[in-house]
């Protein structure tokens, strides 16, 4: 008997449907069984490995050398040219020995105190003292997730910051302090003032870091820190013998200009290196280090022409440093035009403190460390909160409003000023009690080159 075509079609459809349902059921069951296995496999899979880029490493090695170049010979020549010839070598020797001393202290306990693993808002502990646990294979994080650099590179880069910061201080009491007193004070100061502030500002566990304060390359850690310690030192050590009566003009503006120029070149490592990677962030910091400094030089020179009728090389060099100081905390957060404005504002404020406030109050900050580094650092830190805004050409880093960011910057400045001011006062007093701060009047009049080091810078 022949089966009708319609029945054949219906039977075939029913068969295919049954097979399809059976197949779907089998697939579903397999999927249910396979899902936990896949999840387990995913959980067991290793996380993507951190990436070390040789270009980043090369840039950070170069930046570290540039920052050392800032201190030796840059800062040493800048300061040396500003003092009288009889004290030239004393300044060079102080800068040289400070760098050497801090390198050793940083290796022994400084790095651990600033960037150790202790989960404290005030210090990193001593878990990495003597660089315990650091090897050529250990890595340090950058600002990009998954991108790292060798920990030794990070240690060396931050070490150069620790070296130059206390060297800045000596300009405030230049020509009138005992050489051993400088070294003892520096050893104590970096331990109890610099390392804690560096941890609070730059370590992810730090107090000020947790507030969301912006300090790209050291406005608080380096410049405000050094500037406040310099002011306290100038007041406690006292005025130079003959201050206000004797001629204390710089003995070599040529060397001062050379030193200032080296500082500017080295500052690119200081600012652009603080990005920790060779990318657009470093490029932004670099161009800002150009533009802010140029704006500051022009502002200082224009003010001199208006107020004194002449533009001086000393003024141009002072404006150069003022601009570099001001852009330090802002380098990676503001735009190039905003950096020009920030540099010009800082230069004007620093000029006022150097030419007016210091004279009115009568303190002897020999080389204007507070007037330029302290004041310029404060202006730069506060200004970072303003010019970071996208509306003013900044990158708009963070989630705070401009007002909120400025308040946070003010709080960071306040903590630095208080911590450094009190700490420096105690340490100067301690050093004075132990070995004394000042040489004799006779030694000071003869010059510290001969009386402290037994040599002179120049032979006629």
Protein backbone atom coordinates (compact mmCIF):
# COMPACT_ATOMS: atom_id res chain seq x y z
CA UNK A 1 0.00 0.00 0.00
CA UNK A 2 1.37 3.40 -0.97
CA UNK A 3 1.70 5.96 1.79
CA UNK A 4 0.32 9.39 0.91
CA UNK A 5 2.92 12.12 0.28
CA UNK A 6 1.39 14.33 3.00
CA UNK A 7 1.86 11.59 5.58
CA UNK A 8 5.44 11.04 4.45
CA UNK A 9 6.15 14.75 4.87
CA UNK A 10 4.53 14.86 8.31
CA UNK A 11 6.44 11.79 9.46
CA UNK A 12 9.70 13.20 8.16
CA UNK A 13 9.06 16.52 9.97
CA UNK A 14 8.23 14.73 13.21
CA UNK A 15 11.40 12.67 12.94
CA UNK A 16 13.58 15.72 12.29
CA UNK A 17 11.92 17.56 15.18
CA UNK A 18 12.59 14.68 17.55
CA UNK A 19 16.20 14.50 16.44
CA UNK A 20 16.60 18.28 16.84
CA UNK A 21 15.12 18.27 20.36
CA UNK A 22 17.36 15.35 21.29
CA UNK A 23 20.42 17.18 19.94
CA UNK A 24 19.52 20.40 21.75
CA UNK A 25 19.05 18.52 24.96
CA UNK A 26 22.42 16.84 24.57
CA UNK A 27 24.11 20.18 23.84
CA UNK A 28 22.44 21.81 26.85
CA UNK A 29 23.48 18.99 29.13
CA UNK A 30 27.02 19.17 27.82
CA UNK A 31 27.08 22.93 28.29
CA UNK A 32 25.90 22.57 31.89
CA UNK A 33 28.61 20.04 32.57
CA UNK A 34 31.26 22.06 30.73
CA UNK A 35 30.43 25.44 32.34
CA UNK A 36 31.95 24.68 35.77
CA UNK A 37 34.98 23.17 34.10
CA UNK A 38 35.44 26.29 31.95
CA UNK A 39 35.03 28.52 34.98
CA UNK A 40 37.60 26.49 36.87
CA UNK A 41 39.96 26.68 33.92
CA UNK A 42 39.53 30.47 33.71
CA UNK A 43 40.15 30.84 37.41
CA UNK A 44 43.25 28.72 37.16
CA UNK A 45 44.62 30.63 34.15
CA UNK A 46 47.52 32.94 35.10
CA UNK A 47 46.92 36.71 35.05
CA UNK A 48 48.55 38.60 32.18
CA UNK A 49 52.23 39.19 32.95
CA UNK A 50 53.43 42.72 33.74
CA UNK A 51 55.24 44.36 30.86
CA UNK A 52 58.65 46.02 31.09
CA UNK A 53 59.40 48.27 28.14
CA UNK A 54 63.08 48.86 27.39
CA UNK A 55 62.28 52.35 26.15
CA UNK A 56 60.81 53.27 29.54
CA UNK A 57 63.84 51.82 31.29
CA UNK A 58 66.26 53.73 29.07
CA UNK A 59 64.38 56.98 29.65
CA UNK A 60 64.33 56.51 33.43
CA UNK A 61 68.06 55.72 33.51
CA UNK A 62 68.68 58.91 31.53
CA UNK A 63 66.37 60.93 33.78
CA UNK A 64 68.22 59.76 36.86
CA UNK A 65 71.49 61.00 35.40
CA UNK A 66 69.87 64.33 34.51
CA UNK A 67 68.71 64.87 38.09
CA UNK A 68 72.19 64.07 39.40
CA UNK A 69 73.50 66.58 36.83
CA UNK A 70 71.20 69.17 38.44
CA UNK A 71 72.92 68.74 41.79
CA UNK A 72 76.48 68.16 40.59
CA UNK A 73 77.60 70.39 39.00
CA UNK A 74 74.42 72.43 38.36
CA UNK A 75 73.30 73.51 41.82
CA UNK A 76 76.88 73.61 43.13
CA UNK A 77 77.96 76.07 40.41
CA UNK A 78 74.75 78.11 40.69
CA UNK A 79 75.27 78.57 44.42
CA UNK A 80 79.05 78.85 44.14
CA UNK A 81 78.85 81.77 41.76
CA UNK A 82 76.45 83.61 44.06
CA UNK A 83 78.72 83.62 47.13
CA UNK A 84 81.94 85.58 47.66
CA UNK A 85 85.13 84.07 46.25
CA UNK A 86 86.43 83.16 49.71
CA UNK A 87 83.46 80.81 50.22
CA UNK A 88 83.22 79.27 46.76
CA UNK A 89 84.75 75.91 47.63
CA UNK A 90 82.76 75.61 50.86
CA UNK A 91 79.53 75.60 48.86
CA UNK A 92 80.92 73.14 46.30
CA UNK A 93 82.10 70.87 49.10
CA UNK A 94 78.77 71.00 50.93
CA UNK A 95 76.84 70.04 47.79
CA UNK A 96 79.28 67.25 46.94
CA UNK A 97 79.26 65.71 50.40
CA UNK A 98 75.48 65.99 50.77
CA UNK A 99 74.98 63.98 47.58
CA UNK A 100 77.40 61.28 48.74
CA UNK A 101 75.96 61.14 52.26
CA UNK A 102 72.34 60.91 51.13
CA UNK A 103 73.11 58.15 48.61
CA UNK A 104 74.40 56.00 51.46
CA UNK A 105 71.52 56.89 53.81
CA UNK A 106 68.97 56.25 51.04
CA UNK A 107 70.47 52.80 50.43
CA UNK A 108 70.59 51.91 54.13
CA UNK A 109 67.15 53.06 55.29
CA UNK A 110 65.82 55.98 53.23
CA UNK A 111 64.21 54.02 50.40
CA UNK A 112 62.46 51.73 52.86
CA UNK A 113 61.18 54.66 54.95
CA UNK A 114 59.81 56.43 51.88
CA UNK A 115 58.57 53.53 49.72
CA UNK A 116 58.62 50.43 51.90
CA UNK A 117 55.72 48.03 52.33
CA UNK A 118 54.46 49.12 55.76
CA UNK A 119 50.79 50.13 55.35
CA UNK A 120 51.24 53.39 57.24
CA UNK A 121 50.18 56.89 56.14
CA UNK A 122 53.41 58.38 57.55
CA UNK A 123 56.29 56.07 56.65
CA UNK A 124 57.11 52.91 54.75
CA UNK A 125 58.75 51.03 57.60
CA UNK A 126 62.13 49.30 57.58
CA UNK A 127 61.17 46.14 55.70
CA UNK A 128 63.41 47.11 52.78
CA UNK A 129 66.29 48.55 54.82
CA UNK A 130 69.64 47.92 53.13
CA UNK A 131 67.52 47.08 50.05
CA UNK A 132 66.62 43.67 51.42
CA UNK A 133 64.58 41.70 48.89
CA UNK A 134 65.42 43.94 45.94
CA UNK A 135 66.95 42.10 42.98
CA UNK A 136 67.47 42.82 39.28
CA UNK A 137 64.26 40.87 38.68
CA UNK A 138 62.05 42.81 41.14
CA UNK A 139 59.83 45.40 39.51
CA UNK A 140 58.17 48.67 40.49
CA UNK A 141 54.81 49.86 39.20
CA UNK A 142 54.32 52.84 36.90
CA UNK A 143 51.18 54.89 36.33
CA UNK A 144 49.90 52.45 33.69
CA UNK A 145 48.39 49.22 34.98
CA UNK A 146 50.52 46.26 34.01
CA UNK A 147 53.53 48.36 32.97
CA UNK A 148 56.58 48.14 35.24
CA UNK A 149 60.20 49.21 35.47
CA UNK A 150 63.03 47.51 37.40
CA UNK A 151 62.88 48.42 41.08
CA UNK A 152 66.56 49.38 41.03
CA UNK A 153 65.75 52.02 38.42
CA UNK A 154 62.97 53.46 40.57
CA UNK A 155 65.28 53.41 43.61
CA UNK A 156 68.02 55.31 41.75
CA UNK A 157 65.61 57.88 40.31
CA UNK A 158 64.05 58.67 43.67
CA UNK A 159 67.50 58.68 45.26
CA UNK A 160 68.54 61.65 43.11
CA UNK A 161 65.54 63.61 44.42
CA UNK A 162 66.57 62.82 47.98
CA UNK A 163 70.10 64.05 47.19
CA UNK A 164 69.27 67.43 45.69
CA UNK A 165 66.57 68.47 48.18
CA UNK A 166 68.83 68.98 51.25
CA UNK A 167 71.51 70.46 48.98
CA UNK A 168 69.04 73.25 48.16
CA UNK A 169 68.86 74.19 51.83
CA UNK A 170 72.51 75.19 52.18
CA UNK A 171 71.97 78.33 50.11
CA UNK A 172 70.04 79.91 52.97
CA UNK A 173 72.94 79.90 55.44
CA UNK A 174 75.81 79.93 52.93
CA UNK A 175 79.08 81.52 54.08
CA UNK A 176 78.39 81.12 57.80
CA UNK A 177 77.96 77.52 58.93
CA UNK A 178 80.26 74.76 60.14
CA UNK A 179 80.87 71.97 57.65
CA UNK A 180 80.25 69.15 60.18
CA UNK A 181 77.02 70.86 61.24
CA UNK A 182 75.75 70.76 57.65
CA UNK A 183 76.39 67.03 57.36
CA UNK A 184 74.85 66.14 60.73
CA UNK A 185 71.79 68.28 60.06
CA UNK A 186 71.29 66.76 56.60
CA UNK A 187 71.57 63.20 57.92
CA UNK A 188 68.90 63.92 60.54
CA UNK A 189 66.72 66.04 58.26
CA UNK A 190 66.37 63.54 55.43
CA UNK A 191 65.54 60.83 57.97
CA UNK A 192 62.91 62.64 59.99
CA UNK A 193 61.55 65.22 57.53
CA UNK A 194 62.20 64.31 53.89
CA UNK A 195 61.50 60.57 53.92
CA UNK A 196 58.16 60.88 55.79
CA UNK A 197 56.98 63.70 53.50
CA UNK A 198 58.01 61.70 50.41
CA UNK A 199 56.01 58.74 51.71
CA UNK A 200 52.95 60.85 52.56
CA UNK A 201 52.87 62.51 49.13
CA UNK A 202 54.06 59.84 46.68
CA UNK A 203 53.41 56.41 48.20
CA UNK A 204 49.97 54.90 47.58
CA UNK A 205 49.58 54.33 51.34
CA UNK A 206 50.59 57.91 52.13
CA UNK A 207 48.37 60.39 53.95
CA UNK A 208 48.50 63.19 51.39
CA UNK A 209 48.38 60.79 48.44
CA UNK A 210 45.16 59.41 49.86
CA UNK A 211 43.62 62.88 49.88
CA UNK A 212 44.09 63.12 46.11
CA UNK A 213 46.64 65.94 46.23
CA UNK A 214 48.53 66.55 42.98
CA UNK A 215 52.34 66.76 43.09
CA UNK A 216 53.80 65.50 39.86
CA UNK A 217 57.50 65.95 40.57
CA UNK A 218 57.99 67.41 44.04
CA UNK A 219 56.47 70.83 44.71
CA UNK A 220 55.81 69.83 48.31
CA UNK A 221 58.36 67.04 48.75
CA UNK A 222 61.32 68.96 47.32
CA UNK A 223 60.76 72.70 47.08
CA UNK A 224 58.41 73.61 49.92
CA UNK A 225 60.26 71.14 52.13
CA UNK A 226 63.64 72.69 51.31
CA UNK A 227 62.32 76.24 51.37
CA UNK A 228 60.81 75.99 54.85
CA UNK A 229 63.93 74.28 56.23
CA UNK A 230 65.98 77.05 54.63
CA UNK A 231 63.93 79.82 56.26
CA UNK A 232 64.16 78.19 59.69
CA UNK A 233 67.92 77.74 59.18
CA UNK A 234 68.47 81.34 58.09
CA UNK A 235 66.68 82.59 61.21
CA UNK A 236 68.44 80.25 63.64
CA UNK A 237 71.96 80.51 62.20
CA UNK A 238 71.63 84.28 62.02
CA UNK A 239 72.91 86.89 59.61
CA UNK A 240 76.30 86.82 57.96
CA UNK A 241 78.96 88.87 59.70
CA UNK A 242 78.88 92.28 58.06
CA UNK A 243 75.44 91.74 56.51
CA UNK A 244 74.06 95.07 55.33
CA UNK A 245 77.50 96.72 55.61
CA UNK A 246 80.01 94.69 53.61
CA UNK A 247 79.85 94.07 49.88
CA UNK A 248 78.32 90.60 49.49
CA UNK A 249 77.67 90.64 45.75
CA UNK A 250 78.05 87.37 43.81
CA UNK A 251 81.66 86.80 42.83
CA UNK A 252 80.88 85.17 39.45
CA UNK A 253 77.62 85.68 37.63
CA UNK A 254 79.21 83.69 34.81
CA UNK A 255 79.29 80.54 36.94
CA UNK A 256 75.81 81.31 38.25
CA UNK A 257 74.44 81.47 34.71
CA UNK A 258 76.22 78.22 33.81
CA UNK A 259 74.81 76.54 36.93
CA UNK A 260 71.29 77.83 36.30
CA UNK A 261 71.39 76.58 32.71
CA UNK A 262 72.53 73.14 33.87
CA UNK A 263 69.65 73.16 36.33
CA UNK A 264 67.20 73.82 33.49
CA UNK A 265 68.61 70.97 31.40
CA UNK A 266 68.61 68.59 34.36
CA UNK A 267 65.07 69.60 35.28
CA UNK A 268 63.74 67.72 32.25
CA UNK A 269 64.78 64.53 34.01
CA UNK A 270 63.25 65.86 37.19
CA UNK A 271 59.84 66.61 35.63
CA UNK A 272 59.49 64.42 32.54
CA UNK A 273 61.16 61.53 34.34
CA UNK A 274 58.53 61.67 37.06
CA UNK A 275 56.08 60.25 34.53
CA UNK A 276 58.01 56.95 34.89
CA UNK A 277 57.23 56.07 31.26
CA UNK A 278 58.41 57.41 27.90
CA UNK A 279 55.02 58.42 26.49
CA UNK A 280 52.73 61.40 25.98
CA UNK A 281 52.68 62.19 29.70
CA UNK A 282 56.44 62.64 29.67
CA UNK A 283 56.13 64.82 26.57
CA UNK A 284 53.58 67.05 28.33
CA UNK A 285 55.86 67.43 31.34
CA UNK A 286 58.76 68.24 29.05
CA UNK A 287 57.04 70.98 27.07
CA UNK A 288 55.71 72.50 30.28
CA UNK A 289 59.25 72.61 31.65
CA UNK A 290 60.13 74.71 28.60
CA UNK A 291 57.13 77.03 28.60
CA UNK A 292 56.73 77.72 32.33
CA UNK A 293 60.42 78.59 32.64
CA UNK A 294 60.31 80.92 29.66
CA UNK A 295 57.25 82.69 31.05
CA UNK A 296 58.95 83.10 34.42
CA UNK A 297 62.18 84.52 32.98
CA UNK A 298 60.30 87.08 30.93
CA UNK A 299 58.11 88.07 33.89
CA UNK A 300 61.07 88.60 36.25
CA UNK A 301 63.04 90.62 33.68
CA UNK A 302 60.03 92.81 32.83
CA UNK A 303 59.43 93.51 36.53
CA UNK A 304 63.09 94.47 36.94
CA UNK A 305 62.95 96.83 33.98
CA UNK A 306 59.80 98.49 35.33
CA UNK A 307 61.02 98.78 38.94
CA UNK A 308 64.79 99.25 38.50
CA UNK A 309 65.20 100.42 34.94
CA UNK A 310 67.59 97.59 34.03
CA UNK A 311 67.40 93.87 33.41
CA UNK A 312 70.02 91.80 35.27
CA UNK A 313 71.52 88.39 34.62
CA UNK A 314 70.88 87.58 38.28
CA UNK A 315 67.21 88.41 37.71
CA UNK A 316 67.00 86.21 34.62
CA UNK A 317 68.64 83.31 36.48
CA UNK A 318 66.31 83.81 39.46
CA UNK A 319 63.27 83.86 37.19
CA UNK A 320 64.51 80.71 35.49
CA UNK A 321 64.65 78.81 38.79
CA UNK A 322 61.32 80.28 39.96
CA UNK A 323 59.58 78.98 36.85
CA UNK A 324 61.17 75.56 37.17
CA UNK A 325 60.10 75.35 40.81
CA UNK A 326 56.53 76.42 40.09
CA UNK A 327 55.96 73.94 37.27
CA UNK A 328 57.42 71.00 39.21
CA UNK A 329 54.15 69.94 40.90
CA UNK A 330 52.12 70.86 37.81
CA UNK A 331 54.23 69.46 34.98
CA UNK A 332 52.01 66.50 34.08
CA UNK A 333 48.67 68.14 34.87
CA UNK A 334 48.57 71.55 33.16
CA UNK A 335 48.68 72.62 29.53
CA UNK A 336 51.63 74.47 27.95
CA UNK A 337 49.82 77.83 27.93
CA UNK A 338 48.67 77.39 31.51
CA UNK A 339 52.28 76.58 32.41
CA UNK A 340 53.41 79.94 30.97
CA UNK A 341 50.85 81.77 33.10
CA UNK A 342 51.72 79.75 36.20
CA UNK A 343 55.43 80.41 35.70
CA UNK A 344 54.87 84.15 35.26
CA UNK A 345 52.68 84.39 38.36
CA UNK A 346 55.18 82.47 40.47
CA UNK A 347 58.03 84.63 39.19
CA UNK A 348 56.21 87.81 40.20
CA UNK A 349 55.40 86.52 43.68
CA UNK A 350 58.96 85.26 44.20
CA UNK A 351 60.35 88.63 43.09
CA UNK A 352 58.19 90.35 45.67
CA UNK A 353 59.45 88.09 48.46
CA UNK A 354 63.09 88.43 47.40
CA UNK A 355 63.12 92.17 46.72
CA UNK A 356 60.57 93.42 49.26
CA UNK A 357 59.59 90.97 52.00
CA UNK A 358 63.12 89.80 52.84
CA UNK A 359 64.35 93.39 53.06
CA UNK A 360 61.39 94.51 55.18
CA UNK A 361 61.70 91.61 57.64
CA UNK A 362 65.49 91.73 57.68
CA UNK A 363 66.30 88.02 57.63
CA UNK A 364 69.42 86.82 55.78
CA UNK A 365 68.40 84.09 53.35
CA UNK A 366 71.75 84.29 51.55
CA UNK A 367 70.77 82.83 48.18
CA UNK A 368 66.98 83.25 48.43
CA UNK A 369 66.14 79.61 48.94
CA UNK A 370 62.92 80.37 50.77
CA UNK A 371 62.02 83.28 48.50
CA UNK A 372 62.29 81.16 45.35
CA UNK A 373 61.96 77.49 46.29
CA UNK A 374 59.63 77.86 49.27
CA UNK A 375 57.39 80.58 47.85
CA UNK A 376 57.58 79.29 44.26
CA UNK A 377 56.74 75.79 45.47
CA UNK A 378 53.67 77.04 47.34
CA UNK A 379 52.45 79.05 44.35
CA UNK A 380 53.04 76.08 42.06
CA UNK A 381 51.28 73.61 44.36
CA UNK A 382 48.18 75.78 44.75
CA UNK A 383 48.24 76.77 41.08
CA UNK A 384 48.30 73.10 40.07
CA UNK A 385 44.81 72.75 41.52
CA UNK A 386 43.63 75.62 39.31
CA UNK A 387 45.41 75.02 35.99
CA UNK A 388 44.74 71.28 36.10
CA UNK A 389 41.18 72.15 35.05
CA UNK A 390 40.26 71.19 31.47
CA UNK A 391 38.65 74.61 30.98
CA UNK A 392 42.10 76.15 31.47
CA UNK A 393 43.90 73.69 29.20
CA UNK A 394 44.82 71.13 31.85
CA UNK A 395 44.28 67.39 31.73
CA UNK A 396 41.54 67.49 34.37
CA UNK A 397 43.15 64.75 36.45
CA UNK A 398 41.02 63.49 39.33
CA UNK A 399 37.36 63.78 40.13
CA UNK A 400 37.37 66.92 42.29
CA UNK A 401 36.02 70.32 41.37
CA UNK A 402 38.54 73.13 40.98
CA UNK A 403 37.61 74.44 44.42
CA UNK A 404 37.92 70.99 45.97
CA UNK A 405 41.29 70.38 44.34
CA UNK A 406 42.64 73.77 45.42
CA UNK A 407 41.57 73.07 49.00
CA UNK A 408 43.30 69.68 48.87
CA UNK A 409 46.44 71.32 47.53
CA UNK A 410 46.29 73.85 50.36
CA UNK A 411 46.00 71.05 52.91
CA UNK A 412 49.02 69.27 51.40
CA UNK A 413 51.04 72.49 51.54
CA UNK A 414 49.98 73.07 55.15
CA UNK A 415 51.02 69.59 56.31
CA UNK A 416 54.40 70.01 54.58
CA UNK A 417 55.00 73.45 56.11
CA UNK A 418 54.07 72.32 59.62
CA UNK A 419 55.93 69.00 59.52
CA UNK A 420 59.05 70.54 58.00
CA UNK A 421 58.94 73.71 60.09
CA UNK A 422 58.69 71.94 63.44
CA UNK A 423 61.02 69.09 62.46
CA UNK A 424 63.69 71.44 61.10
CA UNK A 425 63.53 73.67 64.16
CA UNK A 426 64.10 70.72 66.49
CA UNK A 427 66.95 69.34 64.38
CA UNK A 428 68.78 72.67 64.06
CA UNK A 429 68.56 73.10 67.83
CA UNK A 430 69.87 69.58 68.37
CA UNK A 431 72.84 70.10 66.03
CA UNK A 432 73.62 73.45 67.65
CA UNK A 433 73.59 71.78 71.06
CA UNK A 434 75.83 68.91 69.95
CA UNK A 435 78.49 70.63 67.81
CA UNK A 436 77.36 74.21 67.19
CA UNK A 437 76.10 75.73 63.97
CA UNK A 438 78.38 78.72 63.35
CA UNK A 439 82.12 79.07 62.94
CA UNK A 440 83.96 81.82 64.78
CA UNK A 441 83.72 85.40 63.53
CA UNK A 442 87.42 85.27 62.61
CA UNK A 443 86.91 82.10 60.56
CA UNK A 444 83.91 83.61 58.82
CA UNK A 445 85.79 86.79 57.95
CA UNK A 446 88.76 84.84 56.60
CA UNK A 447 86.44 82.65 54.52
CA UNK A 448 85.23 79.10 54.91
CA UNK A 449 87.34 77.82 52.02
CA UNK A 450 90.53 78.22 54.03
CA UNK A 451 89.23 77.74 57.56
CA UNK A 452 87.06 74.67 56.82
CA UNK A 453 88.87 73.04 53.90
CA UNK A 454 92.40 74.47 53.79
CA UNK A 455 92.27 75.56 50.16
CA UNK A 456 91.09 78.40 47.97
CA UNK A 457 89.13 78.47 44.73
CA UNK A 458 91.39 80.93 42.92
CA UNK A 459 95.11 81.74 42.96
CA UNK A 460 96.07 85.21 41.73
